[in-house]
């Protein structure tokens, strides 16, 4: 039915030339994001050659999106220069306050790639958001010499006329040697002629208060453009999980464009309507490029005019670029071809659910956080032509500080997670279900609740089902009740429909006050493996060296 509806809408709406672009009075606008698998260097290619080839593909996508009536198109982080060449190519970017149009201004001092993008935005009358390495002369008040330059991982936005209307320099770098961060996070916004104010940030920024949360809470931004090159991690941080949950928690329209390299761990793009959930989202398991189009209901109309937020009139448009087939055969015959990172669950308080717990209630606590769980589940009936994979579930609770490789962050979690077997380490493994396989457990009802810290925090509904998909908004409820006298917020998350193939169902809280603190270590050493003990001893030694001899804390990456 959904496919039929998609075809009908495509033929009646998106495939027809639009008379005009969206206006401030329109209740919707049309957005495009690109899940992009870049051209990489071949023998003899320079960094400039790679940029030129990727730019040619960007131009094709801009043209295609404009033909389909898109008002704005977003490209991913690193897409022009790729991971391998990130930093080997850079360009000057104009200050948005100067209202420079590189297409018409020969004195703008930009590289040809910026001029071309500006001209495409102008010629196609579409807003264009691109991530590109930015080169800035070294300021006189810094330690570097005047002949040096700083490199920033930057987003640049062109309006329909080709003018640079926004620029954002990534603040929360994920390693990224060679790149600098600004002294303070920038809050970058831009207004559009269709009546929507957008904010922008990049990839790892989404995990932090500044600039991501500040754009919404301090500036009231309702729509976000998000270039990303995400490295997915189980069980809470796969790309579409993070994009969908953040958009829902902040209740903003969210346009996420992802770098596509599944075997390298990067995949996932989507367009999300805040609490209404994903409009369209993909997480390809093989290298592919996809252009996603969606009709996006404006938040201002939803909130002030009570316009329906029905977003069923949406299609995914998949296009093949000249160098890549958009529908290649799967590399390994399974649904999974994405290299997943794994969370470290040893510090969590967990409880393994037994096979006969078809109805159960549990309270699990870790540090100051106690989570209440109520579950009703049953075993699937065998269906012809389908095979079932047995798995088990754990309840998991965490209140402390975890590592994000290059930084530490405060986290509070109440979760139901799927595991391959009874071992805790199996709960962060990819099940690698084939197309024919299904999980044997069906959840009739799941209810999680807990009192989380309120100050300097956010709380997100995290879900994951087979195929790296997330639950639609009509399949669960997520509510928050503030209790300021206790500096707590009561969060409830419950299913509203029966769910099968459920991998993760969780309340994920970020406690920004604890960012940068020391890692939370396991308290039950007798339950750890020899390998884990070795890791803990190594961490303890490094902590001691840091404390007493000022050994660099960066060795805890």
Protein backbone atom coordinates (compact mmCIF):
# COMPACT_ATOMS: atom_id res chain seq x y z
CA UNK A 1 0.00 0.00 0.00
CA UNK A 2 2.80 2.44 0.88
CA UNK A 3 4.58 1.72 -2.40
CA UNK A 4 1.34 2.24 -4.34
CA UNK A 5 0.69 5.53 -2.53
CA UNK A 6 4.25 6.63 -3.18
CA UNK A 7 3.88 5.96 -6.91
CA UNK A 8 0.58 7.84 -7.04
CA UNK A 9 1.93 10.87 -5.21
CA UNK A 10 5.08 10.82 -7.33
CA UNK A 11 3.06 10.86 -10.55
CA UNK A 12 0.57 13.48 -9.35
CA UNK A 13 2.87 15.83 -7.45
CA UNK A 14 6.62 15.44 -7.48
CA UNK A 15 6.95 14.39 -11.11
CA UNK A 16 5.02 17.44 -12.34
CA UNK A 17 6.86 20.74 -12.91
CA UNK A 18 6.03 23.18 -10.15
CA UNK A 19 4.77 26.61 -11.22
CA UNK A 20 6.63 28.32 -8.40
CA UNK A 21 8.77 27.63 -5.38
CA UNK A 22 7.36 27.40 -1.88
CA UNK A 23 6.42 30.75 -0.33
CA UNK A 24 6.09 32.03 3.25
CA UNK A 25 2.36 31.28 3.03
CA UNK A 26 2.89 27.68 1.92
CA UNK A 27 2.21 25.14 4.71
CA UNK A 28 5.05 22.96 3.38
CA UNK A 29 8.32 23.11 1.52
CA UNK A 30 10.18 20.49 -0.53
CA UNK A 31 13.53 19.26 0.78
CA UNK A 32 16.21 17.09 -0.79
CA UNK A 33 19.15 15.35 0.87
CA UNK A 34 21.80 13.18 -0.75
CA UNK A 35 23.11 9.89 0.61
CA UNK A 36 26.36 10.17 -1.28
CA UNK A 37 29.00 7.58 -2.13
CA UNK A 38 31.88 9.72 -3.33
CA UNK A 39 34.34 9.25 -6.14
CA UNK A 40 37.69 8.37 -4.58
CA UNK A 41 41.19 8.83 -5.92
CA UNK A 42 42.38 6.57 -8.73
CA UNK A 43 46.00 6.17 -9.82
CA UNK A 44 47.44 9.56 -10.60
CA UNK A 45 44.47 11.55 -9.26
CA UNK A 46 45.26 14.65 -7.25
CA UNK A 47 43.03 16.04 -4.52
CA UNK A 48 41.78 18.62 -7.03
CA UNK A 49 40.87 15.81 -9.47
CA UNK A 50 38.75 14.09 -6.83
CA UNK A 51 36.97 17.34 -5.99
CA UNK A 52 36.29 17.99 -9.67
CA UNK A 53 34.72 14.56 -10.17
CA UNK A 54 32.56 14.82 -7.07
CA UNK A 55 31.57 18.36 -8.00
CA UNK A 56 30.28 17.08 -11.34
CA UNK A 57 28.03 14.66 -9.48
CA UNK A 58 26.87 17.37 -7.07
CA UNK A 59 25.84 19.47 -10.08
CA UNK A 60 23.75 16.58 -11.42
CA UNK A 61 21.97 16.18 -8.09
CA UNK A 62 21.29 19.89 -7.78
CA UNK A 63 19.78 19.89 -11.25
CA UNK A 64 17.71 16.79 -10.55
CA UNK A 65 16.43 18.12 -7.22
CA UNK A 66 15.49 21.44 -8.79
CA UNK A 67 13.63 19.67 -11.59
CA UNK A 68 11.61 17.86 -8.92
CA UNK A 69 10.67 21.10 -7.20
CA UNK A 70 13.04 21.05 -4.22
CA UNK A 71 13.51 24.33 -2.39
CA UNK A 72 16.70 23.21 -0.64
CA UNK A 73 19.27 20.44 -1.08
CA UNK A 74 21.82 19.21 1.46
CA UNK A 75 25.08 17.34 0.76
CA UNK A 76 27.12 15.30 3.30
CA UNK A 77 30.23 15.97 5.32
CA UNK A 78 33.44 15.13 3.42
CA UNK A 79 31.55 14.39 0.20
CA UNK A 80 33.56 16.64 -2.09
CA UNK A 81 37.04 15.67 -0.92
CA UNK A 82 36.33 12.27 0.78
CA UNK A 83 37.73 10.99 4.08
CA UNK A 84 41.12 10.19 2.58
CA UNK A 85 41.57 13.66 1.15
CA UNK A 86 39.83 15.67 3.88
CA UNK A 87 42.17 18.60 4.49
CA UNK A 88 44.27 18.11 1.33
CA UNK A 89 42.00 20.57 -0.50
CA UNK A 90 40.67 23.80 0.95
CA UNK A 91 39.22 27.13 -0.11
CA UNK A 92 38.40 30.55 1.20
CA UNK A 93 34.73 31.02 2.09
CA UNK A 94 33.12 34.47 2.19
CA UNK A 95 31.69 35.87 5.41
CA UNK A 96 27.88 35.67 5.14
CA UNK A 97 27.62 39.19 6.55
CA UNK A 98 29.30 40.49 3.38
CA UNK A 99 26.56 39.01 1.15
CA UNK A 100 29.09 37.82 -1.44
CA UNK A 101 27.87 36.04 -4.57
CA UNK A 102 30.81 33.98 -5.91
CA UNK A 103 28.99 33.34 -9.18
CA UNK A 104 28.86 37.01 -10.11
CA UNK A 105 31.76 38.42 -8.07
CA UNK A 106 35.14 37.62 -9.62
CA UNK A 107 36.93 39.20 -6.66
CA UNK A 108 35.54 36.81 -4.05
CA UNK A 109 38.82 34.86 -3.89
CA UNK A 110 37.18 31.43 -3.78
CA UNK A 111 38.19 28.23 -5.57
CA UNK A 112 36.34 27.30 -8.74
CA UNK A 113 34.34 24.63 -6.89
CA UNK A 114 32.68 27.31 -4.74
CA UNK A 115 31.96 29.46 -7.79
CA UNK A 116 30.39 26.50 -9.59
CA UNK A 117 28.14 25.65 -6.64
CA UNK A 118 27.08 29.28 -6.35
CA UNK A 119 26.20 29.38 -10.04
CA UNK A 120 24.24 26.12 -9.82
CA UNK A 121 22.21 27.49 -6.90
CA UNK A 122 21.59 30.64 -8.92
CA UNK A 123 20.79 28.95 -12.22
CA UNK A 124 18.50 26.37 -10.61
CA UNK A 125 16.96 28.74 -8.04
CA UNK A 126 17.54 26.40 -5.09
CA UNK A 127 19.19 26.70 -1.68
CA UNK A 128 22.35 24.55 -1.58
CA UNK A 129 24.14 23.32 1.56
CA UNK A 130 27.65 21.93 1.09
CA UNK A 131 30.43 20.83 3.48
CA UNK A 132 33.95 21.81 2.41
CA UNK A 133 37.37 22.39 4.04
CA UNK A 134 37.80 26.11 4.66
CA UNK A 135 41.16 27.87 4.69
CA UNK A 136 41.57 30.92 6.93
CA UNK A 137 44.73 33.04 7.35
CA UNK A 138 46.18 32.60 10.81
CA UNK A 139 44.95 35.42 13.10
CA UNK A 140 47.63 37.67 14.54
CA UNK A 141 46.55 36.95 18.11
CA UNK A 142 47.28 33.21 17.87
CA UNK A 143 50.49 31.23 18.33
CA UNK A 144 50.85 30.26 14.67
CA UNK A 145 52.92 32.40 12.33
CA UNK A 146 51.35 34.91 9.96
CA UNK A 147 52.30 32.71 6.99
CA UNK A 148 50.29 29.77 8.36
CA UNK A 149 46.62 29.06 7.79
CA UNK A 150 43.89 27.44 9.85
CA UNK A 151 41.64 24.77 8.37
CA UNK A 152 38.01 24.43 9.39
CA UNK A 153 35.49 21.70 8.61
CA UNK A 154 32.84 24.09 7.31
CA UNK A 155 29.31 24.12 5.96
CA UNK A 156 28.44 26.82 3.44
CA UNK A 157 24.93 27.76 2.34
CA UNK A 158 23.98 29.46 -0.95
CA UNK A 159 20.56 31.02 -1.46
CA UNK A 160 18.55 30.86 -4.68
CA UNK A 161 20.60 33.74 -6.09
CA UNK A 162 23.93 32.04 -5.32
CA UNK A 163 24.79 34.37 -2.43
CA UNK A 164 26.58 32.92 0.61
CA UNK A 165 24.01 33.34 3.40
CA UNK A 166 25.50 31.08 6.08
CA UNK A 167 28.79 29.48 7.10
CA UNK A 168 29.38 27.14 10.00
CA UNK A 169 32.72 25.85 11.30
CA UNK A 170 32.45 22.49 13.04
CA UNK A 171 33.17 22.81 16.75
CA UNK A 172 33.05 19.24 18.09
CA UNK A 173 35.70 17.53 15.96
CA UNK A 174 35.89 13.74 15.97
CA UNK A 175 39.69 13.59 15.92
CA UNK A 176 40.15 15.13 12.46
CA UNK A 177 43.87 15.97 12.59
CA UNK A 178 44.78 19.15 10.75
CA UNK A 179 41.47 20.84 11.45
CA UNK A 180 40.90 23.52 14.06
CA UNK A 181 37.88 24.38 16.15
CA UNK A 182 36.70 27.90 16.83
CA UNK A 183 37.30 29.28 20.33
CA UNK A 184 33.55 29.22 20.94
CA UNK A 185 30.87 27.26 19.09
CA UNK A 186 29.15 29.27 16.37
CA UNK A 187 25.36 29.45 16.19
CA UNK A 188 24.81 29.57 12.45
CA UNK A 189 21.34 30.29 11.06
CA UNK A 190 19.86 31.48 7.79
CA UNK A 191 16.43 32.66 6.69
CA UNK A 192 14.79 31.46 3.49
CA UNK A 193 12.36 33.08 1.09
CA UNK A 194 9.84 30.34 1.90
CA UNK A 195 9.53 31.49 5.50
CA UNK A 196 11.70 28.97 7.36
CA UNK A 197 14.72 29.76 9.53
CA UNK A 198 17.32 26.97 9.44
CA UNK A 199 20.20 26.20 11.75
CA UNK A 200 23.17 24.10 10.76
CA UNK A 201 25.81 21.98 12.47
CA UNK A 202 27.89 18.96 11.49
CA UNK A 203 28.02 15.27 12.44
CA UNK A 204 29.53 14.84 15.97
CA UNK A 205 28.07 18.22 17.01
CA UNK A 206 24.73 16.48 17.46
CA UNK A 207 25.95 14.82 20.66
CA UNK A 208 26.56 18.10 22.50
CA UNK A 209 24.70 21.05 23.93
CA UNK A 210 26.57 23.63 21.87
CA UNK A 211 25.83 24.40 19.15
CA UNK A 212 23.10 21.83 18.46
CA UNK A 213 20.74 22.18 21.43
CA UNK A 214 21.45 25.91 21.76
CA UNK A 215 20.17 26.55 18.24
CA UNK A 216 16.76 25.25 19.26
CA UNK A 217 16.54 26.38 22.87
CA UNK A 218 18.26 29.75 22.59
CA UNK A 219 17.38 30.82 19.03
CA UNK A 220 14.11 28.96 18.49
CA UNK A 221 15.25 27.26 15.28
CA UNK A 222 12.60 24.85 13.95
CA UNK A 223 14.50 23.34 11.00
CA UNK A 224 18.07 22.00 10.79
CA UNK A 225 20.38 21.02 7.93
CA UNK A 226 22.89 18.38 8.96
CA UNK A 227 25.83 17.21 6.81
CA UNK A 228 27.33 14.09 8.38
CA UNK A 229 29.84 11.30 7.93
CA UNK A 230 28.61 9.17 10.83
CA UNK A 231 30.28 6.08 12.29
CA UNK A 232 27.41 3.91 13.55
CA UNK A 233 27.64 2.19 16.92
CA UNK A 234 25.39 -0.46 18.45
CA UNK A 235 23.07 -0.52 20.29
CA UNK A 236 22.26 3.22 20.63
CA UNK A 237 24.11 5.21 17.98
CA UNK A 238 23.41 3.97 14.47
CA UNK A 239 22.99 6.89 12.08
CA UNK A 240 19.23 6.90 11.51
CA UNK A 241 18.65 6.16 15.22
CA UNK A 242 20.51 9.32 16.20
CA UNK A 243 19.01 11.51 13.48
CA UNK A 244 15.43 10.43 14.18
CA UNK A 245 15.69 10.56 17.98
CA UNK A 246 17.31 14.02 18.07
CA UNK A 247 14.73 15.44 15.67
CA UNK A 248 11.94 13.93 17.78
CA UNK A 249 13.34 15.13 21.09
CA UNK A 250 13.87 18.70 19.81
CA UNK A 251 10.70 18.54 17.66
CA UNK A 252 12.41 20.09 14.65
CA UNK A 253 12.40 19.30 10.97
CA UNK A 254 15.75 17.66 10.33
CA UNK A 255 17.48 17.31 6.95
CA UNK A 256 20.38 14.85 7.29
CA UNK A 257 22.73 14.06 4.41
CA UNK A 258 25.12 11.16 4.99
CA UNK A 259 28.48 10.10 3.56
CA UNK A 260 28.02 6.60 2.15
CA UNK A 261 30.78 4.07 2.84
CA UNK A 262 29.10 1.11 4.60
CA UNK A 263 32.22 -1.03 4.89
CA UNK A 264 33.94 1.95 6.52
CA UNK A 265 31.03 2.31 8.96
CA UNK A 266 29.33 5.33 7.35
CA UNK A 267 25.79 5.17 6.01
CA UNK A 268 22.46 6.83 6.72
CA UNK A 269 20.44 9.87 5.63
CA UNK A 270 16.91 11.09 6.11
CA UNK A 271 14.33 13.83 6.33
CA UNK A 272 12.45 13.94 9.64
CA UNK A 273 9.36 15.85 10.81
CA UNK A 274 10.23 16.18 14.49
CA UNK A 275 7.91 14.21 16.77
CA UNK A 276 6.06 12.94 13.71
CA UNK A 277 9.12 10.80 12.94
CA UNK A 278 10.95 9.99 9.71
CA UNK A 279 9.39 11.14 6.47
CA UNK A 280 11.98 9.25 4.47
CA UNK A 281 15.20 7.65 5.67
CA UNK A 282 17.72 5.18 4.27
CA UNK A 283 20.71 3.30 5.60
CA UNK A 284 22.20 1.48 2.59
CA UNK A 285 24.30 -1.59 3.32
CA UNK A 286 26.28 -1.33 0.08
CA UNK A 287 27.93 1.63 -1.67
CA UNK A 288 25.18 3.64 -3.34
CA UNK A 289 24.09 7.19 -3.96
CA UNK A 290 20.47 8.17 -3.34
CA UNK A 291 18.62 11.45 -3.69
CA UNK A 292 15.80 11.70 -1.16
CA UNK A 293 12.91 14.12 -1.67
CA UNK A 294 10.19 14.97 0.84
CA UNK A 295 7.34 17.40 1.33
CA UNK A 296 8.05 18.86 4.77
CA UNK A 297 5.27 20.42 6.89
CA UNK A 298 6.42 23.75 8.32
CA UNK A 299 6.60 23.80 12.10
CA UNK A 300 5.26 27.37 12.22
CA UNK A 301 2.05 26.26 10.53
CA UNK A 302 1.70 23.19 12.73
CA UNK A 303 2.14 25.18 15.94
CA UNK A 304 0.24 28.40 15.19
CA UNK A 305 -2.35 27.36 12.64
CA UNK A 306 -2.85 23.72 13.64
CA UNK A 307 -2.22 22.49 10.11
CA UNK A 308 -2.21 18.72 9.83
CA UNK A 309 1.27 17.22 9.90
CA UNK A 310 0.29 14.24 7.79
CA UNK A 311 3.44 13.43 5.84
CA UNK A 312 2.29 10.40 3.87
CA UNK A 313 2.63 12.34 0.59
CA UNK A 314 6.32 11.62 0.34
CA UNK A 315 8.49 9.57 -1.97
CA UNK A 316 12.07 8.46 -2.02
CA UNK A 317 13.70 9.14 -5.33
CA UNK A 318 16.77 7.00 -6.02
CA UNK A 319 19.09 8.15 -8.77
CA UNK A 320 22.12 6.51 -10.29
CA UNK A 321 25.12 8.72 -10.94
CA UNK A 322 27.31 8.02 -13.98
CA UNK A 323 29.90 6.20 -11.92
CA UNK A 324 27.71 4.10 -9.61
CA UNK A 325 24.77 1.75 -9.86
CA UNK A 326 22.19 2.74 -7.24
CA UNK A 327 21.03 -0.89 -6.90
CA UNK A 328 24.17 -3.05 -6.69
CA UNK A 329 24.02 -6.63 -5.49
CA UNK A 330 24.64 -7.09 -1.80
CA UNK A 331 28.26 -7.78 -1.08
CA UNK A 332 27.76 -10.59 1.41
CA UNK A 333 24.26 -11.88 0.79
CA UNK A 334 23.00 -10.48 4.10
CA UNK A 335 21.04 -7.37 5.00
CA UNK A 336 24.10 -6.15 6.86
CA UNK A 337 27.09 -4.74 5.11
CA UNK A 338 27.76 -1.87 7.52
CA UNK A 339 30.79 -2.05 9.79
CA UNK A 340 29.41 -1.24 13.22
CA UNK A 341 31.26 0.07 16.25
CA UNK A 342 30.27 -1.34 19.67
CA UNK A 343 29.42 0.39 22.92
CA UNK A 344 31.24 -0.73 26.09
CA UNK A 345 28.56 -2.22 28.36
CA UNK A 346 30.66 -3.50 31.28
CA UNK A 347 29.91 -0.46 33.49
CA UNK A 348 26.13 -0.85 32.93
CA UNK A 349 23.82 -2.51 35.41
CA UNK A 350 22.06 -5.18 33.34
CA UNK A 351 19.50 -7.92 33.86
CA UNK A 352 19.13 -10.86 31.48
CA UNK A 353 15.50 -11.73 30.76
CA UNK A 354 14.75 -15.44 30.99
CA UNK A 355 12.86 -17.32 28.31
CA UNK A 356 9.75 -17.79 30.45
CA UNK A 357 9.35 -14.11 31.37
CA UNK A 358 6.43 -13.43 29.06
CA UNK A 359 5.07 -10.89 31.54
CA UNK A 360 7.47 -9.20 33.91
CA UNK A 361 8.16 -6.07 35.92
CA UNK A 362 11.65 -5.06 37.01
CA UNK A 363 13.43 -2.12 38.61
CA UNK A 364 17.10 -1.76 37.73
CA UNK A 365 19.35 0.92 39.24
CA UNK A 366 22.81 2.27 38.47
CA UNK A 367 24.27 5.07 40.57
CA UNK A 368 21.49 7.67 40.99
CA UNK A 369 19.25 6.42 38.18
CA UNK A 370 16.55 3.79 38.72
CA UNK A 371 14.50 2.56 35.76
CA UNK A 372 11.18 0.72 35.90
CA UNK A 373 10.43 -1.82 33.18
CA UNK A 374 7.17 -3.57 32.31
CA UNK A 375 7.23 -6.10 29.47
CA UNK A 376 4.70 -8.39 27.79
CA UNK A 377 6.07 -10.64 25.06
CA UNK A 378 5.55 -13.97 23.32
CA UNK A 379 7.24 -16.29 20.84
CA UNK A 380 6.43 -15.93 17.15
CA UNK A 381 4.38 -18.50 15.31
CA UNK A 382 6.38 -20.09 12.54
CA UNK A 383 5.51 -18.65 9.13
CA UNK A 384 6.09 -20.51 5.90
CA UNK A 385 9.07 -19.23 3.89
CA UNK A 386 10.51 -17.46 6.93
CA UNK A 387 13.19 -18.62 9.31
CA UNK A 388 13.42 -17.43 12.89
CA UNK A 389 16.53 -16.53 14.80
CA UNK A 390 16.54 -17.02 18.55
CA UNK A 391 17.88 -14.13 20.58
CA UNK A 392 17.66 -12.90 24.16
CA UNK A 393 17.07 -9.51 25.74
CA UNK A 394 18.70 -7.57 28.52
CA UNK A 395 17.54 -4.63 30.55
CA UNK A 396 20.37 -2.10 30.78
CA UNK A 397 20.76 1.00 32.95
CA UNK A 398 23.65 3.45 33.05
CA UNK A 399 24.24 6.69 34.93
CA UNK A 400 27.75 8.03 34.52
CA UNK A 401 30.43 9.12 32.07
CA UNK A 402 31.32 7.29 28.87
CA UNK A 403 33.93 7.73 26.17
CA UNK A 404 33.20 8.98 22.68
CA UNK A 405 36.75 8.12 21.59
CA UNK A 406 38.06 11.69 21.69
CA UNK A 407 36.00 13.12 24.56
CA UNK A 408 34.01 11.92 27.56
CA UNK A 409 30.35 12.70 28.11
CA UNK A 410 27.66 12.37 30.76
CA UNK A 411 24.98 9.81 29.91
CA UNK A 412 21.84 8.38 31.55
CA UNK A 413 20.18 5.38 29.88
CA UNK A 414 17.21 3.07 30.50
CA UNK A 415 17.11 0.40 27.79
CA UNK A 416 15.83 -2.92 26.50
CA UNK A 417 18.45 -4.35 24.13
CA UNK A 418 18.69 -7.47 22.00
CA UNK A 419 21.58 -9.89 22.44
CA UNK A 420 22.71 -12.85 20.37
CA UNK A 421 23.21 -15.02 23.46
CA UNK A 422 23.60 -14.79 27.25
CA UNK A 423 26.95 -13.00 27.14
CA UNK A 424 26.97 -9.25 27.67
CA UNK A 425 29.38 -8.72 24.77
CA UNK A 426 26.84 -10.21 22.34
CA UNK A 427 24.49 -7.28 23.02
CA UNK A 428 26.64 -4.98 20.89
CA UNK A 429 27.00 -7.39 17.97
CA UNK A 430 25.20 -7.08 14.67
CA UNK A 431 22.68 -9.92 14.29
CA UNK A 432 23.21 -9.92 10.51
CA UNK A 433 19.71 -11.08 9.70
CA UNK A 434 19.14 -12.19 6.13
CA UNK A 435 16.07 -11.07 4.19
CA UNK A 436 14.24 -14.26 5.18
CA UNK A 437 15.12 -14.24 8.87
CA UNK A 438 13.06 -12.74 11.68
CA UNK A 439 13.50 -12.57 15.42
CA UNK A 440 11.55 -15.11 17.43
CA UNK A 441 10.34 -12.69 20.12
CA UNK A 442 7.34 -10.39 19.73
CA UNK A 443 6.73 -7.57 22.21
CA UNK A 444 3.08 -6.97 22.94
CA UNK A 445 3.94 -4.12 25.30
CA UNK A 446 7.04 -2.38 26.62
CA UNK A 447 7.00 0.42 29.18
CA UNK A 448 10.12 2.15 30.52
CA UNK A 449 10.16 5.02 33.00
CA UNK A 450 12.77 6.82 35.07
CA UNK A 451 13.57 10.09 36.80
CA UNK A 452 16.43 11.78 34.94
CA UNK A 453 18.44 14.87 35.76
CA UNK A 454 16.80 17.99 34.37
CA UNK A 455 19.47 20.71 34.26
CA UNK A 456 21.69 20.92 31.18
CA UNK A 457 20.29 17.76 29.65
CA UNK A 458 18.25 16.32 26.81
CA UNK A 459 16.33 13.06 26.64
CA UNK A 460 15.83 11.11 23.44
CA UNK A 461 13.63 8.15 22.40
CA UNK A 462 15.97 5.56 20.90
CA UNK A 463 14.55 2.70 18.84
CA UNK A 464 16.03 0.19 16.40
CA UNK A 465 14.53 -2.66 14.44
CA UNK A 466 15.95 -5.04 11.86
CA UNK A 467 17.32 -3.41 8.74
CA UNK A 468 18.63 -0.43 10.78
CA UNK A 469 15.15 1.06 10.72
CA UNK A 470 13.43 2.86 13.59
CA UNK A 471 9.90 2.61 14.95
CA UNK A 472 7.40 4.99 13.37
CA UNK A 473 5.93 7.61 15.68
CA UNK A 474 2.56 5.84 15.88
CA UNK A 475 4.17 2.73 17.41
CA UNK A 476 5.36 4.30 20.65
CA UNK A 477 4.73 7.20 23.04
CA UNK A 478 7.39 9.36 24.64
CA UNK A 479 6.46 11.83 27.39
CA UNK A 480 8.36 14.05 29.82
CA UNK A 481 7.16 15.66 33.04
CA UNK A 482 9.38 18.28 34.62
CA UNK A 483 9.85 18.29 38.40
CA UNK A 484 11.93 21.46 38.96
CA UNK A 485 11.74 21.27 42.74
CA UNK A 486 13.80 18.07 42.54
CA UNK A 487 15.82 19.05 39.46
CA UNK A 488 14.45 15.94 37.80
CA UNK A 489 12.39 15.10 34.79
CA UNK A 490 10.20 11.99 34.69
CA UNK A 491 10.46 10.31 31.30
CA UNK A 492 8.06 7.62 30.09
CA UNK A 493 8.42 5.59 26.94
CA UNK A 494 5.93 2.90 25.98
CA UNK A 495 4.87 1.00 22.90
CA UNK A 496 1.41 1.61 21.48
CA UNK A 497 1.41 -1.36 19.12
CA UNK A 498 2.76 -4.89 18.99
CA UNK A 499 6.34 -4.92 17.72
CA UNK A 500 8.50 -7.69 16.30
CA UNK A 501 12.16 -7.63 15.30
CA UNK A 502 12.87 -5.09 18.04
CA UNK A 503 16.58 -4.55 18.69
CA UNK A 504 16.69 -1.46 20.91
CA UNK A 505 14.02 0.39 22.88
CA UNK A 506 15.53 3.01 25.17
CA UNK A 507 15.42 6.38 26.88
CA UNK A 508 18.77 8.03 26.21
CA UNK A 509 19.71 11.05 28.29
CA UNK A 510 22.68 13.34 27.75
CA UNK A 511 23.90 14.96 30.96
CA UNK A 512 25.98 17.87 29.65
CA UNK A 513 27.15 18.91 33.12
CA UNK A 514 29.35 15.80 33.31
CA UNK A 515 31.04 16.25 29.93
CA UNK A 516 34.81 16.01 30.15
CA UNK A 517 34.80 13.99 33.37
CA UNK A 518 36.61 10.75 34.14
CA UNK A 519 35.23 7.52 32.72
CA UNK A 520 32.80 5.37 34.67
CA UNK A 521 34.51 2.02 35.35
CA UNK A 522 32.84 -1.33 36.16
CA UNK A 523 32.20 -2.02 39.84
CA UNK A 524 31.84 -5.80 39.51
CA UNK A 525 35.33 -6.93 38.49
CA UNK A 526 34.56 -10.59 39.13
CA UNK A 527 32.15 -10.50 36.20
CA UNK A 528 34.69 -9.26 33.69
CA UNK A 529 36.80 -11.28 31.31
CA UNK A 530 40.59 -11.41 31.38
CA UNK A 531 40.70 -9.12 28.35
CA UNK A 532 38.45 -6.62 30.11
CA UNK A 533 40.62 -6.68 33.22
CA UNK A 534 43.65 -5.93 31.06
CA UNK A 535 41.85 -2.94 29.56
CA UNK A 536 40.84 -1.68 33.00
CA UNK A 537 44.38 -1.98 34.34
CA UNK A 538 45.67 -0.05 31.33
CA UNK A 539 43.08 2.69 31.86
CA UNK A 540 43.94 2.87 35.58
CA UNK A 541 47.65 3.26 34.82
CA UNK A 542 46.96 6.06 32.34
CA UNK A 543 44.69 7.81 34.84
CA UNK A 544 47.44 7.66 37.44
CA UNK A 545 50.00 9.03 35.01
CA UNK A 546 47.62 11.82 34.10
CA UNK A 547 46.87 12.66 37.74
CA UNK A 548 50.39 12.62 39.14
CA UNK A 549 52.65 13.31 36.16
CA UNK A 550 50.30 15.33 33.88
CA UNK A 551 50.47 12.59 31.24
CA UNK A 552 48.27 13.66 28.28
CA UNK A 553 44.68 12.59 28.81
CA UNK A 554 44.31 12.19 25.04
CA UNK A 555 45.84 8.71 25.37
CA UNK A 556 42.42 7.53 26.54
CA UNK A 557 41.03 7.82 23.00
